[in-house]
Amino acid sequence: MVLLSFDIEEFDMPLEYKGEISFDKQISISQHGLENILNILKNTEQKLPFFLP
């Protein structure tokens, strides 16, 4: 059995290092990453649960 977990949230790492990034850019980067994950998982032929807050 393999268990996977993905924590998808706004990309704010630059802010942690005193960098600047707009909120729209943070969401755009997160959305791109989520779409990549979903494309990879789509080819697994597995049923996968998603939990949203």
C-alpha atoms as a PDB file:
ATOM      1  CA  MET A   1       0.000   0.000   0.000  1.00  0.00           C
ATOM      2  CA  VAL A   2       1.217   3.470  -0.856  1.00  0.00           C
ATOM      3  CA  LEU A   3      -0.227   6.545   0.852  1.00  0.00           C
ATOM      4  CA  LEU A   4       0.270   9.965  -0.673  1.00  0.00           C
ATOM      5  CA  SER A   5      -0.487  13.356   0.794  1.00  0.00           C
ATOM      6  CA  PHE A   6      -0.212  16.756  -0.878  1.00  0.00           C
ATOM      7  CA  ASP A   7      -0.384  20.044   0.977  1.00  0.00           C
ATOM      8  CA  ILE A   8      -1.530  22.615  -1.571  1.00  0.00           C
ATOM      9  CA  GLU A   9      -1.473  26.224  -0.426  1.00  0.00           C
ATOM     10  CA  GLU A  10      -0.223  29.561  -1.656  1.00  0.00           C
ATOM     11  CA  PHE A  11       3.473  29.622  -2.584  1.00  0.00           C
ATOM     12  CA  ASP A  12       4.924  32.007  -0.015  1.00  0.00           C
ATOM     13  CA  MET A  13       8.513  30.781   0.328  1.00  0.00           C
ATOM     14  CA  PRO A  14      10.025  34.051  -1.004  1.00  0.00           C
ATOM     15  CA  LEU A  15       8.308  35.904   1.851  1.00  0.00           C
ATOM     16  CA  GLU A  16      10.063  33.636   4.370  1.00  0.00           C
ATOM     17  CA  TYR A  17      13.406  34.859   2.999  1.00  0.00           C
ATOM     18  CA  LYS A  18      12.453  38.534   2.932  1.00  0.00           C
ATOM     19  CA  GLY A  19      11.646  38.384  -0.781  1.00  0.00           C
ATOM     20  CA  GLU A  20       8.605  39.811  -2.490  1.00  0.00           C
ATOM     21  CA  ILE A  21       5.908  38.008  -4.433  1.00  0.00           C
ATOM     22  CA  SER A  22       2.364  39.098  -5.168  1.00  0.00           C
ATOM     23  CA  PHE A  23      -0.554  37.063  -3.898  1.00  0.00           C
ATOM     24  CA  ASP A  24      -1.723  36.481  -7.486  1.00  0.00           C
ATOM     25  CA  LYS A  25       1.703  35.049  -8.384  1.00  0.00           C
ATOM     26  CA  GLN A  26       1.640  32.844  -5.258  1.00  0.00           C
ATOM     27  CA  ILE A  27      -1.716  31.365  -6.297  1.00  0.00           C
ATOM     28  CA  SER A  28      -0.586  30.989  -9.923  1.00  0.00           C
ATOM     29  CA  ILE A  29       2.481  28.948  -8.892  1.00  0.00           C
ATOM     30  CA  SER A  30       0.366  26.764  -6.583  1.00  0.00           C
ATOM     31  CA  GLN A  31      -2.224  26.178  -9.298  1.00  0.00           C
ATOM     32  CA  HIS A  32       0.452  25.159 -11.791  1.00  0.00           C
ATOM     33  CA  GLY A  33       1.891  22.669  -9.277  1.00  0.00           C
ATOM     34  CA  LEU A  34      -1.538  21.224  -8.517  1.00  0.00           C
ATOM     35  CA  GLU A  35      -2.272  20.774 -12.226  1.00  0.00           C
ATOM     36  CA  ASN A  36       1.028  18.906 -12.638  1.00  0.00           C
ATOM     37  CA  ILE A  37       0.217  16.614  -9.712  1.00  0.00           C
ATOM     38  CA  LEU A  38      -3.272  15.905 -11.078  1.00  0.00           C
ATOM     39  CA  ASN A  39      -1.855  15.091 -14.535  1.00  0.00           C
ATOM     40  CA  ILE A  40       0.575  12.598 -13.017  1.00  0.00           C
ATOM     41  CA  LEU A  41      -2.114  10.986 -10.842  1.00  0.00           C
ATOM     42  CA  LYS A  42      -4.560  10.801 -13.758  1.00  0.00           C
ATOM     43  CA  ASN A  43      -2.401   8.091 -15.331  1.00  0.00           C
ATOM     44  CA  THR A  44      -2.296   5.842 -12.244  1.00  0.00           C
ATOM     45  CA  GLU A  45      -5.704   4.178 -12.745  1.00  0.00           C
ATOM     46  CA  GLN A  46      -6.246   4.450  -8.990  1.00  0.00           C
ATOM     47  CA  LYS A  47      -9.161   5.940  -7.102  1.00  0.00           C
ATOM     48  CA  LEU A  48      -7.834   8.787  -5.009  1.00  0.00           C
ATOM     49  CA  PRO A  49      -9.581  10.737  -2.240  1.00  0.00           C
ATOM     50  CA  PHE A  50      -9.125  14.485  -1.879  1.00  0.00           C
ATOM     51  CA  PHE A  51      -9.813  16.389   1.329  1.00  0.00           C
ATOM     52  CA  LEU A  52     -10.446  20.103   1.191  1.00  0.00           C
ATOM     53  CA  PRO A  53     -10.668  22.443   4.198  1.00  0.00           C
END
